[in-house]
Amino acid sequence: MEVKQLSYFVETCKYMSFSDAAKALFVTPQALSKSIRNLERELGGEVFTRTGNSIALTDYGALLFQRAKGLLKSYDVLIGDMKYASHHFS
């Protein structure tokens, strides 16, 4: 699992639309959908139910959404801390 996949997933949850999330992420809807499918395959469960042009979070997806938000926030803090450190400890 890659950080990019998790951020794509979280963004898709915010919009509840592959097309809108893809626009916000500057990727194609197909690339976004493929990334989510790969994430689902790796985790072994569906994160969205897909019906026609709409999607909804599964219970599994809702759990991942909560955990991924926290993980991405920690990741952003880590990156910020390391950038700060690189300027002050070099």
Protein backbone atom coordinates (compact mmCIF):
# COMPACT_ATOMS: atom_id res chain seq x y z
CA MET A 1 0.00 0.00 0.00
CA GLU A 2 1.31 3.41 -0.94
CA VAL A 3 0.63 6.78 0.66
CA LYS A 4 -0.62 7.99 -2.71
CA GLN A 5 -3.26 5.24 -2.79
CA LEU A 6 -4.47 6.22 0.67
CA SER A 7 -4.66 9.89 -0.26
CA TYR A 8 -6.57 9.00 -3.43
CA PHE A 9 -8.95 6.93 -1.33
CA VAL A 10 -9.50 9.70 1.24
CA GLU A 11 -10.08 12.27 -1.51
CA THR A 12 -12.60 9.97 -3.17
CA CYS A 13 -14.39 9.62 0.17
CA LYS A 14 -14.59 13.40 0.48
CA TYR A 15 -16.23 13.76 -2.93
CA MET A 16 -17.99 10.38 -3.08
CA SER A 17 -17.33 10.57 -6.80
CA PHE A 18 -14.48 9.18 -8.86
CA SER A 19 -14.84 11.97 -11.44
CA ASP A 20 -14.84 14.83 -8.94
CA ALA A 21 -11.99 13.34 -6.90
CA ALA A 22 -10.00 12.71 -10.09
CA LYS A 23 -10.39 16.37 -11.08
CA ALA A 24 -9.21 17.51 -7.64
CA LEU A 25 -6.23 15.12 -7.82
CA PHE A 26 -5.38 15.98 -11.44
CA VAL A 27 -5.61 12.36 -12.57
CA THR A 28 -8.00 10.56 -14.88
CA PRO A 29 -11.03 8.83 -13.36
CA GLN A 30 -9.68 5.57 -14.82
CA ALA A 31 -6.32 6.01 -13.06
CA LEU A 32 -8.08 6.80 -9.80
CA SER A 33 -10.41 3.83 -10.10
CA LYS A 34 -7.46 1.54 -10.88
CA SER A 35 -5.58 2.81 -7.83
CA ILE A 36 -8.61 2.14 -5.61
CA ARG A 37 -9.07 -1.33 -7.12
CA ASN A 38 -5.41 -2.13 -6.44
CA LEU A 39 -5.82 -0.91 -2.86
CA GLU A 40 -8.90 -3.12 -2.44
CA ARG A 41 -7.04 -6.10 -3.90
CA GLU A 42 -4.09 -5.56 -1.58
CA LEU A 43 -6.27 -5.12 1.52
CA GLY A 44 -8.59 -7.97 0.58
CA GLY A 45 -11.90 -6.13 0.77
CA GLU A 46 -14.08 -3.67 -1.10
CA VAL A 47 -14.01 -0.10 0.19
CA PHE A 48 -16.81 1.19 -2.05
CA THR A 49 -19.98 -0.29 -3.44
CA ARG A 50 -20.37 0.80 -7.02
CA THR A 51 -23.81 1.12 -8.59
CA GLY A 52 -24.02 2.84 -11.94
CA ASN A 53 -22.37 6.21 -11.57
CA SER A 54 -22.62 6.37 -7.78
CA ILE A 55 -20.45 4.98 -5.02
CA ALA A 56 -20.94 4.43 -1.30
CA LEU A 57 -18.52 3.44 1.43
CA THR A 58 -18.74 -0.11 2.69
CA ASP A 59 -18.33 -0.71 6.43
CA TYR A 60 -14.81 -1.90 5.59
CA GLY A 61 -14.22 1.32 3.66
CA ALA A 62 -15.54 3.46 6.53
CA LEU A 63 -13.03 1.84 8.89
CA LEU A 64 -10.22 2.42 6.40
CA PHE A 65 -11.33 6.04 5.92
CA GLN A 66 -11.07 6.75 9.65
CA ARG A 67 -7.68 5.08 9.97
CA ALA A 68 -6.29 6.54 6.73
CA LYS A 69 -7.17 10.13 7.73
CA GLY A 70 -5.14 9.75 10.92
CA LEU A 71 -2.26 8.08 9.13
CA LEU A 72 -2.11 10.78 6.45
CA LYS A 73 -2.20 13.51 9.08
CA SER A 74 0.74 11.86 10.86
CA TYR A 75 2.54 11.51 7.53
CA ASP A 76 2.09 15.23 6.81
CA VAL A 77 3.45 16.10 10.26
CA LEU A 78 6.45 13.82 9.67
CA ILE A 79 7.21 15.46 6.31
CA GLY A 80 6.90 18.93 7.86
CA ASP A 81 9.15 17.98 10.78
CA MET A 82 11.79 16.56 8.47
CA LYS A 83 11.75 19.63 6.23
CA TYR A 84 12.16 21.82 9.30
CA ALA A 85 14.97 19.61 10.61
CA SER A 86 16.81 19.63 7.30
CA HIS A 87 17.03 23.43 7.47
CA HIS A 88 17.99 23.62 11.13
CA PHE A 89 20.25 20.62 11.70
CA SER A 90 22.35 20.68 8.55
